[in-house]
Structures are given as C-alpha cells and as structure tokens.
Amino acid sequence: VLIDVQRTGPSTGMPTRTQQSDLTSAFYASHGDTKQVLLFPATPKECFDFTADAFDLTERLQTPVLVMTDLDLGMNDHLSPPFQWDDQRRYDRGKVHSADDLEKLQQFGRYQDVDGDGIPYRTIPGTHPTKGSYFTRGSSRDEMARYTEDSEPYVRNMDRLLKKWNTAKDLVPAPEFYQEKDKGNQAMIFFGTSTYAALEAMEQLEAAGVPMDAMRIRATPFSNAVRDFIGRHKTVYIVEQNRDAQMRSILINELEIDPFKLIPVLNYDGMPITAEAITKQISRTLHNASNGQAHAEAQHS
C-alpha cells in the first residue's frame, strides 16, 4: 500500500502547493503492460477508510494499491466526520491456503487461476512443514512459479493479469452519483479534493439554467457504471487539478471514449480549484459551442 500525497511538479515543484498530477505515473507505474489500482479519497475520513480498504484490496488482489491524496487534503484543515473503527473487523487476507487445504491438494501452483477470476491462491511461509513452498522471481514464470522465457506461459500469465484487472472492477470503491436519474445530456466527472468545488459549481450552473449530472470517481479500474454514465451523456466535463488532463486521458484509453466527448476543466496553479473556476470554464465552453452552432446555421441558411 502506497500513499501518494500529490503536489506540484515536475521535480520538486512548489513544495507547499497542491495538484492532482501524479495520475498517469501512478496508474502506469511499471514497464510493460501494467496498470495499478488507485483510490481517490475526498475527505480526511475517506483517507482513513480507504487506507484500511487498501490493505484488504492489496492482499485480495495480490497487487500494489495506491491511495491518491493531495497536499490540500494532506496539509490543510478540513471539517470531517469522526473516524470510526469496527473492532470486529478483520483484514481480508484474500486467497490463502491453510495447512488443511494443502493436505487436500494433489499439486499447488502459485500462479494457477483455479477460480477463473485471475487471482491465484498463495501460501504463507510456515503454514505446512512440507507443502506449499515455492520459489519465484521477478522475471517471467509459469503457473508453477518456475522460471521460463517460453512464449506460451508468458502470454497465459499476461492474460490472467488482465482477467484479474477486470475482477478488480467490482472490488474497488464504486463511483458516487449525485442524482437518482439523469437530468439531461450534460455531465461532470470529478474526484478527490475537486469534489466540493465541483458540487458548488453544479449549483451555480443549475441557477443559470444549465442542469448538470455528476459522478465522482473513487477508484481505478473503472467499473461499468463509469462507462455507462459517460455513454448516456453527449458532453462530459472532466474536472481535475493538472495541466495535461490526466484523468481524461486515462478514461479515453481505458474505456475507448471519443475524445471530443470529454471536455477538460483544469486548474494547475498550485491552489485548490474553486467553483468559480469550474463554472467559468464550463460556461465559456457552452458559449463557444452555441456561437459555433449559430454560425453554422447562418452559413447553411
């Protein structure tokens, strides 16, 4: 489990200023075809809750999990509900074979996909005096953890990892929606500390006669609910605090969304994004679109 308290960059950047600009480097944090589980808390309480959940997810999925906070959340004062811990809670260690399990198995393969969800069973050292041990390394291996450079077992392992990625979509925190049913064809997506500025901007736009549906992304990989929400709307504004619209790029890559459908709403001056900045950018986009349509109709007539 890694905690990334994002600040401005590149390099040292502004050490006491905030951004959401580590998304791409965190999501694709390795060489090769690799993607990482990211969690996006929006409040101190969610930092507390999501970090506990991250320990369950990293063991359940047997993969790194990154909790993506930022300097606004990490350094500034925030009102928060009290943290609560259930003393009855036990960490989810995931698929771990016991000594009894090993006794019943004819053969244990560390990377065998027994259940078809891409997640193999593992063992904890010392569980059994003679069974369940394995030796592995960072380079390619087969289902039995044996080193190999053969193409077929490598491809099988890569396909298993993709299957595990798809399994993770139903295990990570689900997106949060701010309407029971869609109001129209315009929508807004945000995450982390952009949330409350985005919600205030929604109220301002509603007052100006621009109803806006909204969804908060709380994790990657994206569930089908994220894809469906985008698919139901003509234009979706992606609110984020970086220069290069990193969340927008990940959504386009992962869900194969038409780039023209996702409009970036950006802030990267080191200060927390404001509702005014969001409202101005969306209003300007709507104004330009309206003028463009009027110009096209005039030319046609």
Protein backbone atom coordinates (compact mmCIF):
# COMPACT_ATOMS: atom_id res chain seq x y z
CA VAL A 1 0.00 0.00 0.00
CA LEU A 2 1.42 3.36 -1.06
CA ILE A 3 0.13 6.81 -0.10
CA ASP A 4 0.74 9.49 -2.75
CA VAL A 5 0.17 13.00 -1.35
CA GLN A 6 0.31 14.82 -4.68
CA ARG A 7 1.86 18.25 -5.03
CA THR A 8 3.00 20.40 -7.93
CA GLY A 9 5.69 19.18 -10.27
CA PRO A 10 7.76 18.38 -12.22
CA SER A 11 10.77 17.77 -9.99
CA THR A 12 10.36 19.47 -6.60
CA GLY A 13 7.81 21.90 -7.99
CA MET A 14 6.19 24.09 -5.34
CA PRO A 15 6.63 22.06 -2.15
CA THR A 16 3.64 23.57 -0.32
CA ARG A 17 1.17 23.68 -3.22
CA THR A 18 -1.37 21.10 -4.36
CA GLN A 19 -2.18 19.28 -7.60
CA GLN A 20 -3.63 16.04 -8.90
CA SER A 21 -0.78 15.48 -11.30
CA ASP A 22 0.63 12.03 -10.44
CA LEU A 23 -2.26 10.12 -12.02
CA THR A 24 -0.53 8.92 -15.16
CA SER A 25 2.72 7.99 -13.45
CA ALA A 26 0.82 6.14 -10.69
CA PHE A 27 -1.67 4.37 -12.96
CA TYR A 28 1.00 3.07 -15.35
CA ALA A 29 3.64 2.64 -12.62
CA SER A 30 5.80 -0.01 -14.23
CA HIS A 31 7.28 -1.07 -17.54
CA GLY A 32 5.33 -3.35 -19.82
CA ASP A 33 1.55 -3.71 -19.96
CA THR A 34 0.82 -2.75 -16.37
CA LYS A 35 -1.95 -0.79 -14.68
CA GLN A 36 -2.39 -0.09 -10.98
CA VAL A 37 -5.31 0.09 -8.56
CA LEU A 38 -5.76 3.72 -7.42
CA LEU A 39 -8.11 5.00 -4.70
CA PHE A 40 -9.23 8.66 -4.64
CA PRO A 41 -10.38 9.84 -1.18
CA ALA A 42 -12.08 13.23 -0.98
CA THR A 43 -12.13 13.80 2.80
CA PRO A 44 -9.95 13.00 5.84
CA LYS A 45 -12.45 10.31 6.83
CA GLU A 46 -12.18 8.71 3.40
CA CYS A 47 -8.39 8.78 3.74
CA PHE A 48 -8.84 6.76 6.93
CA ASP A 49 -11.42 4.38 5.47
CA PHE A 50 -9.78 3.94 2.06
CA THR A 51 -6.39 3.18 3.56
CA ALA A 52 -7.90 0.34 5.61
CA ASP A 53 -9.68 -0.88 2.47
CA ALA A 54 -6.41 -0.65 0.54
CA PHE A 55 -4.81 -3.22 2.83
CA ASP A 56 -7.68 -5.61 2.09
CA LEU A 57 -7.51 -4.94 -1.65
CA THR A 58 -3.75 -5.36 -1.93
CA GLU A 59 -3.96 -8.80 -0.27
CA ARG A 60 -7.13 -9.83 -2.08
CA LEU A 61 -5.75 -8.83 -5.48
CA GLN A 62 -2.07 -9.53 -4.70
CA THR A 63 -1.05 -6.25 -6.28
CA PRO A 64 0.08 -2.76 -5.21
CA VAL A 65 -2.68 -0.31 -4.25
CA LEU A 66 -2.04 3.44 -4.29
CA VAL A 67 -4.12 5.88 -2.22
CA MET A 68 -4.05 9.17 -4.15
CA THR A 69 -4.47 12.14 -1.83
CA ASP A 70 -3.04 15.62 -2.40
CA LEU A 71 -1.41 18.41 -0.44
CA ASP A 72 -4.72 20.22 0.08
CA LEU A 73 -6.09 17.15 1.84
CA GLY A 74 -2.78 16.29 3.49
CA MET A 75 -1.83 19.71 4.86
CA ASN A 76 -4.86 21.99 5.12
CA ASP A 77 -7.66 21.93 7.70
CA HIS A 78 -10.89 20.14 6.75
CA LEU A 79 -14.11 19.53 8.61
CA SER A 80 -14.62 15.78 8.81
CA PRO A 81 -16.97 13.27 10.40
CA PRO A 82 -15.26 11.37 13.22
CA PHE A 83 -13.12 8.41 12.23
CA GLN A 84 -14.72 5.12 13.22
CA TRP A 85 -13.12 1.71 13.50
CA ASP A 86 -15.00 -1.54 13.91
CA ASP A 87 -13.11 -3.62 16.47
CA GLN A 88 -14.72 -6.72 14.97
CA ARG A 89 -13.15 -6.06 11.59
CA ARG A 90 -10.52 -8.49 10.39
CA TYR A 91 -8.26 -7.90 7.46
CA ASP A 92 -9.16 -9.79 4.29
CA ARG A 93 -6.03 -11.81 3.51
CA GLY A 94 -7.53 -12.99 0.24
CA LYS A 95 -6.90 -16.43 -1.22
CA VAL A 96 -4.54 -18.10 1.25
CA HIS A 97 -4.24 -21.87 1.51
CA SER A 98 -4.30 -23.33 5.03
CA ALA A 99 -2.42 -26.46 6.06
CA ASP A 100 -5.64 -28.45 5.64
CA ASP A 101 -6.10 -27.04 2.14
CA LEU A 102 -2.59 -28.08 1.18
CA GLU A 103 -3.15 -31.58 2.53
CA LYS A 104 -6.14 -31.99 0.22
CA LEU A 105 -4.37 -30.65 -2.89
CA GLN A 106 -2.58 -33.01 -5.23
CA GLN A 107 -0.50 -30.15 -6.57
CA PHE A 108 -0.04 -26.48 -5.62
CA GLY A 109 0.70 -23.97 -8.38
CA ARG A 110 1.36 -20.45 -7.15
CA TYR A 111 0.04 -18.78 -10.30
CA GLN A 112 -2.71 -21.19 -11.27
CA ASP A 113 -6.06 -19.48 -11.94
CA VAL A 114 -8.22 -22.05 -10.17
CA ASP A 115 -11.39 -19.94 -9.88
CA GLY A 116 -11.27 -18.22 -13.27
CA ASP A 117 -11.05 -14.70 -11.82
CA GLY A 118 -7.34 -14.18 -12.46
CA ILE A 119 -6.42 -14.33 -8.76
CA PRO A 120 -4.33 -17.36 -7.75
CA TYR A 121 -4.05 -18.88 -4.29
CA ARG A 122 -0.97 -18.20 -2.19
CA THR A 123 0.62 -19.61 0.93
CA ILE A 124 2.15 -18.01 4.00
CA PRO A 125 5.60 -19.38 4.95
CA GLY A 126 5.44 -21.93 7.77
CA THR A 127 1.84 -22.97 7.12
CA HIS A 128 2.80 -26.56 6.34
CA PRO A 129 6.06 -28.38 7.09
CA THR A 130 6.49 -29.85 3.59
CA LYS A 131 3.82 -28.43 1.24
CA GLY A 132 3.01 -25.04 -0.23
CA SER A 133 6.51 -23.68 -0.63
CA TYR A 134 7.60 -22.14 -3.93
CA PHE A 135 10.44 -20.10 -5.36
CA THR A 136 9.74 -17.28 -7.76
CA ARG A 137 11.45 -14.24 -9.19
CA GLY A 138 10.56 -11.01 -10.93
CA SER A 139 11.20 -12.39 -14.40
CA SER A 140 8.73 -14.50 -16.36
CA ARG A 141 7.49 -17.79 -14.92
CA ASP A 142 4.81 -20.39 -15.48
CA GLU A 143 1.79 -21.35 -13.36
CA MET A 144 4.01 -23.39 -11.03
CA ALA A 145 6.30 -20.37 -10.40
CA ARG A 146 9.09 -21.93 -12.47
CA TYR A 147 11.28 -19.53 -14.45
CA THR A 148 10.63 -19.62 -18.18
CA GLU A 149 11.13 -17.49 -21.26
CA ASP A 150 8.73 -19.56 -23.36
CA SER A 151 6.09 -17.50 -25.13
CA GLU A 152 3.01 -19.58 -24.29
CA PRO A 153 3.21 -19.45 -20.46
CA TYR A 154 4.14 -15.78 -20.64
CA VAL A 155 1.05 -14.98 -22.70
CA ARG A 156 -1.11 -17.05 -20.34
CA ASN A 157 0.18 -15.07 -17.39
CA MET A 158 -0.43 -11.74 -19.11
CA ASP A 159 -3.98 -12.81 -19.95
CA ARG A 160 -4.50 -13.88 -16.33
CA LEU A 161 -3.36 -10.46 -15.08
CA LEU A 162 -5.87 -8.78 -17.41
CA LYS A 163 -8.59 -11.06 -16.06
CA LYS A 164 -7.59 -10.08 -12.52
CA TRP A 165 -7.80 -6.39 -13.54
CA ASN A 166 -11.37 -6.93 -14.71
CA THR A 167 -12.18 -8.75 -11.46
CA ALA A 168 -10.90 -5.74 -9.52
CA LYS A 169 -13.57 -3.51 -11.09
CA ASP A 170 -16.18 -4.97 -8.75
CA LEU A 171 -13.94 -4.92 -5.66
CA VAL A 172 -12.72 -1.29 -5.57
CA PRO A 173 -14.91 1.57 -4.24
CA ALA A 174 -17.75 2.23 -6.68
CA PRO A 175 -18.35 5.67 -8.22
CA GLU A 176 -20.69 8.06 -6.42
CA PHE A 177 -23.62 9.67 -8.24
CA TYR A 178 -25.39 12.90 -7.34
CA GLN A 179 -28.77 12.30 -9.00
CA GLU A 180 -31.25 9.44 -8.99
CA LYS A 181 -31.86 9.80 -12.72
CA ASP A 182 -30.22 11.83 -15.46
CA LYS A 183 -31.33 15.44 -15.91
CA GLY A 184 -30.03 15.95 -19.43
CA ASN A 185 -27.15 15.40 -21.84
CA GLN A 186 -24.53 17.42 -19.93
CA ALA A 187 -22.48 15.86 -17.14
CA MET A 188 -19.50 16.42 -14.90
CA ILE A 189 -16.92 13.97 -13.53
CA PHE A 190 -14.56 14.78 -10.66
CA PHE A 191 -12.54 13.06 -7.92
CA GLY A 192 -10.61 13.74 -4.73
CA THR A 193 -10.48 17.30 -3.40
CA SER A 194 -12.10 18.70 -6.56
CA THR A 195 -15.38 17.31 -5.25
CA TYR A 196 -16.79 20.15 -3.17
CA ALA A 197 -15.83 22.88 -5.62
CA ALA A 198 -17.48 20.82 -8.36
CA LEU A 199 -20.67 20.39 -6.34
CA GLU A 200 -20.84 24.14 -5.70
CA ALA A 201 -20.27 24.76 -9.41
CA MET A 202 -23.18 22.44 -10.17
CA GLU A 203 -25.44 24.63 -8.03
CA GLN A 204 -24.23 27.77 -9.84
CA LEU A 205 -24.80 26.21 -13.25
CA GLU A 206 -28.25 24.97 -12.20
CA ALA A 207 -29.17 28.51 -11.16
CA ALA A 208 -28.03 29.73 -14.59
CA GLY A 209 -30.31 27.23 -16.31
CA VAL A 210 -27.68 24.61 -17.07
CA PRO A 211 -28.60 21.38 -15.26
CA MET A 212 -25.61 19.10 -14.85
CA ASP A 213 -25.45 15.43 -13.89
CA ALA A 214 -22.44 14.43 -11.84
CA MET A 215 -20.34 11.43 -10.88
CA ARG A 216 -17.36 11.15 -8.54
CA ILE A 217 -14.73 8.59 -9.46
CA ARG A 218 -13.41 6.86 -6.34
CA ALA A 219 -11.09 4.24 -7.82
CA THR A 220 -9.49 2.57 -10.77
CA PRO A 221 -10.09 0.27 -12.53
CA PHE A 222 -13.29 1.92 -13.76
CA SER A 223 -16.47 -0.09 -13.27
CA ASN A 224 -19.08 -0.48 -15.97
CA ALA A 225 -21.09 2.21 -14.19
CA VAL A 226 -18.47 4.77 -15.23
CA ARG A 227 -18.66 3.72 -18.87
CA ASP A 228 -22.47 3.74 -18.80
CA PHE A 229 -22.64 7.20 -17.22
CA ILE A 230 -20.40 8.68 -19.90
CA GLY A 231 -22.30 6.84 -22.62
CA ARG A 232 -25.62 8.37 -21.54
CA HIS A 233 -24.40 11.95 -21.99
CA LYS A 234 -23.46 14.00 -25.04
CA THR A 235 -20.81 16.10 -23.28
CA VAL A 236 -18.91 15.24 -20.10
CA TYR A 237 -16.67 17.75 -18.32
CA ILE A 238 -13.68 16.20 -16.53
CA VAL A 239 -12.64 18.35 -13.57
CA GLU A 240 -9.06 17.82 -12.40
CA GLN A 241 -6.11 19.71 -10.99
CA ASN A 242 -3.30 19.23 -13.51
CA ARG A 243 -2.24 20.74 -16.83
CA ASP A 244 -2.48 17.74 -19.14
CA ALA A 245 -5.96 16.40 -18.25
CA GLN A 246 -4.51 13.12 -16.98
CA MET A 247 -7.76 11.59 -15.75
CA ARG A 248 -9.38 12.42 -19.07
CA SER A 249 -6.58 10.61 -20.90
CA ILE A 250 -6.92 7.52 -18.71
CA LEU A 251 -10.69 7.45 -19.28
CA ILE A 252 -10.19 7.70 -23.04
CA ASN A 253 -7.57 4.96 -23.05
CA GLU A 254 -9.34 2.56 -20.69
CA LEU A 255 -12.93 2.95 -21.91
CA GLU A 256 -12.25 3.84 -25.57
CA ILE A 257 -14.26 7.04 -25.29
CA ASP A 258 -14.47 9.55 -28.14
CA PRO A 259 -12.03 12.30 -27.05
CA PHE A 260 -14.32 15.05 -28.35
CA LYS A 261 -16.95 13.97 -25.83
CA LEU A 262 -14.76 14.60 -22.78
CA ILE A 263 -14.08 18.30 -22.14
CA PRO A 264 -11.22 19.11 -19.73
CA VAL A 265 -11.82 21.55 -16.87
CA LEU A 266 -8.39 22.20 -15.43
CA ASN A 267 -6.58 24.03 -12.64
CA TYR A 268 -2.82 23.77 -12.10
CA ASP A 269 -1.72 26.98 -10.37
CA GLY A 270 -0.97 25.16 -7.12
CA MET A 271 -4.04 26.44 -5.29
CA PRO A 272 -7.16 24.31 -4.71
CA ILE A 273 -9.63 24.51 -7.57
CA THR A 274 -12.65 26.77 -6.98
CA ALA A 275 -16.29 26.58 -8.01
CA GLU A 276 -15.86 29.90 -9.83
CA ALA A 277 -13.07 28.47 -11.99
CA ILE A 278 -15.14 25.42 -12.88
CA THR A 279 -18.25 27.46 -13.67
CA LYS A 280 -16.31 29.92 -15.85
CA GLN A 281 -14.64 27.18 -17.90
CA ILE A 282 -17.86 25.26 -18.50
CA SER A 283 -19.80 28.44 -19.31
CA ARG A 284 -17.12 29.51 -21.79
CA THR A 285 -17.26 26.11 -23.50
CA LEU A 286 -21.05 26.27 -23.74
CA HIS A 287 -20.88 29.83 -25.07
CA ASN A 288 -18.34 28.89 -27.75
CA ALA A 289 -20.38 25.86 -28.76
CA SER A 290 -23.53 27.99 -29.03
CA ASN A 291 -21.75 30.59 -31.18
CA GLY A 292 -20.31 27.85 -33.39
CA GLN A 293 -23.73 26.31 -33.93
CA ALA A 294 -25.28 29.70 -34.70
CA HIS A 295 -22.51 30.42 -37.22
CA ALA A 296 -23.01 27.05 -38.90
CA GLU A 297 -26.79 27.60 -39.15
CA ALA A 298 -26.26 31.04 -40.62
CA GLN A 299 -23.92 29.67 -43.29
CA HIS A 300 -26.39 26.91 -44.10
CA SER A 301 -29.29 29.35 -44.50
